[in-house]
Amino acid sequence: MLNVFIVEDEDLAVRKLTKLLQEVDPSIVVMGTAASVRTAVNWLQQNHTSGDPAPDLILMDIELADGQSFDIFEQTPVESPVIFTTSYDEYALKAFKVNSIDYLLKPIKRRDLEASLEKHHRLRSLNPTAPPSADAGRVSIDVLVQQLRQQIQPTDYRKRFLVRHLQQWVPVEVSDVAYFYSEDGVSLFRTNANQKYSLDYTLDELEAMLDPSQFFRANRQFIIDINSVQQIHPYFNNKLKLTLKPAPTDEVIVSRERATDFKKWMGK
């Protein structure tokens, strides 16, 4: 039996990952989940204080709603080995400087998850009496770079989606999409003609499928097409407020941290 703790801020991603873990190994128990740095730190501290066994493994998304998961390691001891999950491969080197045993790019494939879990089991079997945070769970930077070279191939970006509409399936070209967004845990998109459809992908998964020269992750809720941006307004604390067409229900705010990259993207 393997006790797993999941740190992930998208409900759909948590459900998908839990299902995938069960498919790979039905004996795996998800002992808890956290959607932010704050809740993850609180859970780990309470787990330690109560004297309960630490998780055998933590699956941890890097980009969370209130920061990066690396912040967790600065606020509380993490006694368990970690598998990082993310769409952003530029964080890989930093990820492996903490006690990570592997790194998975989203969307996570079953065979990749199986390989990571097998790697975890193999490391445990080499030294079963060692605590979870032992150096045996660490991977060298050289090995990491080699793995990333194998993982990162020339990208063939998504050209269309097949979506359910009424009683039929409808193909929608990605070039017709104005923006993707999340609402109440569901991923949706609006076309330039203001048609609304739902998708069975998280925004993190969609981001990995889309051409970054055409689409930009404005925040945790929106991925926008460059042609949907009508106006850009200065906003408090060096943020940006966007006017999109068609107009979304919620405001679209680009964070201060993403504002510089957004301006560069718009200027291409």
Protein backbone atom coordinates (compact mmCIF):
# COMPACT_ATOMS: atom_id res chain seq x y z
CA MET A 1 0.00 0.00 0.00
CA LEU A 2 1.23 3.49 -0.87
CA ASN A 3 -0.08 6.59 0.95
CA VAL A 4 -0.07 9.61 -1.36
CA PHE A 5 -0.65 13.31 -0.70
CA ILE A 6 -1.67 15.47 -3.71
CA VAL A 7 -0.94 19.20 -4.01
CA GLU A 8 -2.90 20.55 -7.00
CA ASP A 9 -5.14 23.59 -7.40
CA GLU A 10 -7.45 22.33 -10.17
CA ASP A 11 -10.27 20.03 -9.02
CA LEU A 12 -10.44 18.27 -12.38
CA ALA A 13 -6.71 17.59 -12.28
CA VAL A 14 -7.05 16.09 -8.78
CA ARG A 15 -9.85 13.81 -9.96
CA LYS A 16 -7.91 12.74 -13.03
CA LEU A 17 -4.72 12.09 -11.10
CA THR A 18 -6.57 10.13 -8.40
CA LYS A 19 -8.23 7.99 -11.06
CA LEU A 20 -4.92 7.42 -12.82
CA LEU A 21 -3.24 6.37 -9.57
CA GLN A 22 -6.02 3.86 -8.90
CA GLU A 23 -5.69 2.46 -12.41
CA VAL A 24 -1.95 2.03 -12.00
CA ASP A 25 -2.19 0.52 -8.50
CA PRO A 26 -5.57 -0.02 -6.75
CA SER A 27 -3.82 -0.28 -3.37
CA ILE A 28 -2.74 3.38 -3.50
CA VAL A 29 -4.51 5.56 -0.91
CA VAL A 30 -4.85 9.31 -1.40
CA MET A 31 -4.59 10.40 2.23
CA GLY A 32 -5.15 14.08 1.55
CA THR A 33 -5.14 16.91 -0.95
CA ALA A 34 -4.26 20.62 -0.87
CA ALA A 35 -5.02 23.34 -3.43
CA SER A 36 -2.53 26.01 -2.33
CA VAL A 37 0.80 26.61 -0.65
CA ARG A 38 -0.99 27.65 2.54
CA THR A 39 -3.25 24.60 2.79
CA ALA A 40 -0.37 22.26 1.91
CA VAL A 41 1.82 23.74 4.65
CA ASN A 42 -1.05 23.50 7.17
CA TRP A 43 -1.74 19.87 6.23
CA LEU A 44 1.91 18.83 6.49
CA GLN A 45 2.36 20.61 9.83
CA GLN A 46 -0.80 19.06 11.28
CA ASN A 47 0.24 15.66 9.99
CA HIS A 48 3.63 16.01 11.69
CA THR A 49 2.19 17.40 14.94
CA SER A 50 -0.36 14.61 15.23
CA GLY A 51 2.35 12.00 14.96
CA ASP A 52 0.73 10.35 11.96
CA PRO A 53 3.08 8.72 9.44
CA ALA A 54 4.28 11.07 6.72
CA PRO A 55 3.00 10.33 3.20
CA ASP A 56 5.00 7.74 1.32
CA LEU A 57 4.92 10.04 -1.68
CA ILE A 58 3.76 13.57 -2.57
CA LEU A 59 2.52 14.50 -6.04
CA MET A 60 2.97 18.26 -6.27
CA ASP A 61 2.00 20.75 -8.97
CA ILE A 62 4.54 23.57 -9.20
CA GLU A 63 2.24 26.48 -10.07
CA LEU A 64 -0.41 26.97 -7.38
CA ALA A 65 -3.02 29.68 -6.87
CA ASP A 66 -1.02 31.49 -4.18
CA GLY A 67 2.53 30.86 -5.38
CA GLN A 68 4.94 28.12 -6.38
CA SER A 69 5.08 24.84 -4.50
CA PHE A 70 8.79 25.45 -3.81
CA ASP A 71 7.53 27.91 -1.19
CA ILE A 72 6.20 24.93 0.80
CA PHE A 73 9.74 23.67 1.43
CA GLU A 74 10.72 27.07 2.82
CA GLN A 75 7.84 27.11 5.31
CA THR A 76 7.81 23.57 6.68
CA PRO A 77 9.94 20.41 6.57
CA VAL A 78 8.88 18.00 3.83
CA GLU A 79 9.76 14.50 4.95
CA SER A 80 8.45 12.67 1.90
CA PRO A 81 9.85 12.21 -1.60
CA VAL A 82 8.12 14.32 -4.24
CA ILE A 83 7.06 13.87 -7.84
CA PHE A 84 6.51 17.29 -9.39
CA THR A 85 3.80 17.74 -12.03
CA THR A 86 3.71 20.83 -14.22
CA SER A 87 3.43 22.24 -17.71
CA TYR A 88 6.49 24.44 -17.20
CA ASP A 89 9.73 22.57 -17.87
CA GLU A 90 11.86 25.63 -16.99
CA TYR A 91 11.24 24.83 -13.33
CA ALA A 92 12.83 21.39 -13.62
CA LEU A 93 16.32 22.19 -12.38
CA LYS A 94 14.98 24.02 -9.34
CA ALA A 95 12.55 21.19 -8.65
CA PHE A 96 15.28 18.58 -8.42
CA LYS A 97 17.31 20.59 -5.93
CA VAL A 98 14.72 19.66 -3.32
CA ASN A 99 13.91 16.05 -2.45
CA SER A 100 12.23 15.18 -5.74
CA ILE A 101 12.40 11.71 -7.22
CA ASP A 102 10.91 12.62 -10.58
CA TYR A 103 9.34 15.25 -12.78
CA LEU A 104 6.26 14.77 -14.98
CA LEU A 105 5.09 17.14 -17.69
CA LYS A 106 1.36 17.68 -18.07
CA PRO A 107 -0.82 16.22 -19.44
CA ILE A 108 0.38 13.24 -17.41
CA LYS A 109 0.43 9.96 -19.31
CA ARG A 110 -0.22 6.67 -17.57
CA ARG A 111 3.06 5.12 -18.72
CA ASP A 112 5.02 8.09 -17.34
CA LEU A 113 3.23 7.88 -13.99
CA GLU A 114 3.86 4.13 -13.87
CA ALA A 115 7.56 4.71 -14.51
CA SER A 116 7.74 7.32 -11.73
CA LEU A 117 6.00 5.07 -9.23
CA GLU A 118 8.26 2.18 -10.21
CA LYS A 119 11.25 4.43 -9.66
CA HIS A 120 9.89 5.31 -6.21
CA HIS A 121 9.39 1.62 -5.33
CA ARG A 122 12.90 0.81 -6.56
CA LEU A 123 14.49 3.50 -4.41
CA ARG A 124 12.54 2.34 -1.35
CA SER A 125 13.58 -1.27 -1.91
CA LEU A 126 17.26 -0.25 -2.05
CA ASN A 127 17.04 1.09 1.51
CA PRO A 128 13.69 0.15 3.10
CA THR A 129 14.73 1.32 6.60
CA ALA A 130 15.71 4.80 5.49
CA PRO A 131 13.33 7.70 6.23
CA PRO A 132 11.39 9.02 3.23
CA SER A 133 13.56 12.12 2.99
CA ALA A 134 16.81 10.16 2.61
CA ASP A 135 19.23 11.22 -0.12
CA ALA A 136 18.44 8.00 -2.00
CA GLY A 137 15.34 9.81 -3.18
CA ARG A 138 17.32 12.55 -4.88
CA VAL A 139 18.19 12.62 -8.54
CA SER A 140 21.31 14.24 -9.92
CA ILE A 141 21.03 17.31 -12.12
CA ASP A 142 22.92 15.49 -14.91
CA VAL A 143 20.37 12.68 -14.93
CA LEU A 144 17.55 15.24 -14.90
CA VAL A 145 18.92 17.07 -17.95
CA GLN A 146 19.20 13.78 -19.82
CA GLN A 147 15.60 12.91 -18.93
CA LEU A 148 14.32 16.30 -20.06
CA ARG A 149 16.09 15.98 -23.41
CA GLN A 150 14.26 12.70 -23.91
CA GLN A 151 10.90 14.15 -22.84
CA ILE A 152 10.93 17.43 -24.75
CA GLN A 153 10.30 16.75 -28.43
CA PRO A 154 9.31 19.16 -31.22
CA THR A 155 5.77 20.20 -30.34
CA ASP A 156 2.82 19.47 -32.59
CA TYR A 157 0.24 21.87 -31.23
CA ARG A 158 -3.46 21.07 -31.16
CA LYS A 159 -5.34 22.14 -34.29
CA ARG A 160 -8.94 21.35 -33.31
CA PHE A 161 -11.15 19.92 -30.58
CA LEU A 162 -14.09 17.56 -30.91
CA VAL A 163 -16.74 18.80 -28.48
CA ARG A 164 -20.20 17.65 -27.45
CA HIS A 165 -23.04 19.96 -28.46
CA LEU A 166 -26.65 18.95 -27.89
CA GLN A 167 -26.93 15.42 -29.35
CA GLN A 168 -23.89 15.50 -31.59
CA TRP A 169 -20.13 15.93 -31.72
CA VAL A 170 -18.85 19.14 -33.28
CA PRO A 171 -15.27 19.81 -34.50
CA VAL A 172 -14.02 23.26 -33.54
CA GLU A 173 -10.81 24.68 -34.97
CA VAL A 174 -8.40 26.10 -32.40
CA SER A 175 -8.07 29.16 -34.65
CA ASP A 176 -11.76 29.88 -33.95
CA VAL A 177 -11.26 29.97 -30.16
CA ALA A 178 -11.16 33.36 -28.42
CA TYR A 179 -10.23 32.05 -24.97
CA PHE A 180 -10.30 29.03 -22.67
CA TYR A 181 -11.42 29.48 -19.07
CA SER A 182 -12.45 27.59 -15.95
CA GLU A 183 -15.75 28.01 -14.15
CA ASP A 184 -16.88 26.01 -11.09
CA GLY A 185 -14.20 23.39 -11.72
CA VAL A 186 -15.12 22.92 -15.40
CA SER A 187 -12.95 23.90 -18.37
CA LEU A 188 -14.74 25.75 -21.15
CA PHE A 189 -13.99 27.91 -24.15
CA ARG A 190 -15.70 30.62 -26.18
CA THR A 191 -15.32 30.97 -29.91
CA ASN A 192 -14.97 34.22 -31.81
CA ALA A 193 -18.65 33.79 -32.68
CA ASN A 194 -19.45 33.70 -28.93
CA GLN A 195 -20.33 30.00 -28.82
CA LYS A 196 -19.61 28.25 -25.53
CA TYR A 197 -18.35 24.66 -25.19
CA SER A 198 -16.94 22.52 -22.39
CA LEU A 199 -13.82 20.36 -22.48
CA ASP A 200 -12.55 17.42 -20.46
CA TYR A 201 -9.10 18.93 -19.99
CA THR A 202 -7.66 21.10 -17.23
CA LEU A 203 -6.26 24.50 -18.14
CA ASP A 204 -2.77 23.20 -17.37
CA GLU A 205 -3.29 20.39 -19.88
CA LEU A 206 -4.71 22.79 -22.46
CA GLU A 207 -1.78 25.15 -22.03
CA ALA A 208 0.61 22.36 -22.99
CA MET A 209 -1.44 21.66 -26.15
CA LEU A 210 -1.63 25.23 -27.44
CA ASP A 211 0.82 27.26 -29.50
CA PRO A 212 2.38 29.79 -27.06
CA SER A 213 2.79 32.31 -29.86
CA GLN A 214 -1.00 32.32 -30.25
CA PHE A 215 -2.25 31.67 -26.69
CA PHE A 216 -1.19 33.16 -23.36
CA ARG A 217 -2.00 32.02 -19.81
CA ALA A 218 -3.26 35.30 -18.40
CA ASN A 219 -3.96 33.83 -14.97
CA ARG A 220 -5.13 30.59 -13.34
CA GLN A 221 -8.59 31.03 -14.89
CA PHE A 222 -7.95 32.22 -18.46
CA ILE A 223 -5.90 31.22 -21.51
CA ILE A 224 -6.47 33.87 -24.17
CA ASP A 225 -5.96 34.04 -27.93
CA ILE A 226 -3.88 36.98 -29.09
CA ASN A 227 -6.63 38.17 -31.45
CA SER A 228 -9.21 38.30 -28.65
CA VAL A 229 -7.42 41.15 -26.86
CA GLN A 230 -9.17 44.45 -27.65
CA GLN A 231 -7.82 46.76 -24.96
CA ILE A 232 -5.16 46.66 -22.22
CA HIS A 233 -5.70 48.82 -19.14
CA PRO A 234 -3.20 49.58 -16.33
CA TYR A 235 -4.45 48.09 -13.07
CA PHE A 236 -3.39 48.56 -9.47
CA ASN A 237 -0.17 46.99 -8.19
CA ASN A 238 1.31 46.88 -11.72
CA LYS A 239 -1.28 44.42 -12.95
CA LEU A 240 -3.11 44.64 -16.29
CA LYS A 241 -6.83 44.49 -16.97
CA LEU A 242 -7.86 43.11 -20.37
CA THR A 243 -10.89 43.75 -22.53
CA LEU A 244 -11.59 40.65 -24.60
CA LYS A 245 -13.93 39.96 -27.47
CA PRO A 246 -16.36 38.35 -26.93
CA ALA A 247 -16.64 39.78 -23.42
CA PRO A 248 -16.25 37.18 -20.63
CA THR A 249 -18.43 37.16 -17.52
CA ASP A 250 -15.45 37.65 -15.18
CA GLU A 251 -12.72 40.28 -15.29
CA VAL A 252 -9.47 39.13 -16.86
CA ILE A 253 -6.51 40.39 -14.82
CA VAL A 254 -2.89 39.70 -15.71
CA SER A 255 -0.80 39.46 -12.55
CA ARG A 256 2.20 41.67 -11.93
CA GLU A 257 4.48 38.65 -12.33
CA ARG A 258 3.04 37.81 -15.77
CA ALA A 259 2.59 41.38 -17.02
CA THR A 260 6.08 41.72 -18.54
CA ASP A 261 5.78 38.41 -20.39
CA PHE A 262 2.31 39.41 -21.60
CA LYS A 263 3.60 42.68 -23.06
CA LYS A 264 6.41 40.83 -24.84
CA TRP A 265 3.89 38.29 -26.17
CA MET A 266 1.58 41.00 -27.46
CA GLY A 267 4.49 42.81 -29.08
CA LYS A 268 5.65 39.82 -31.14
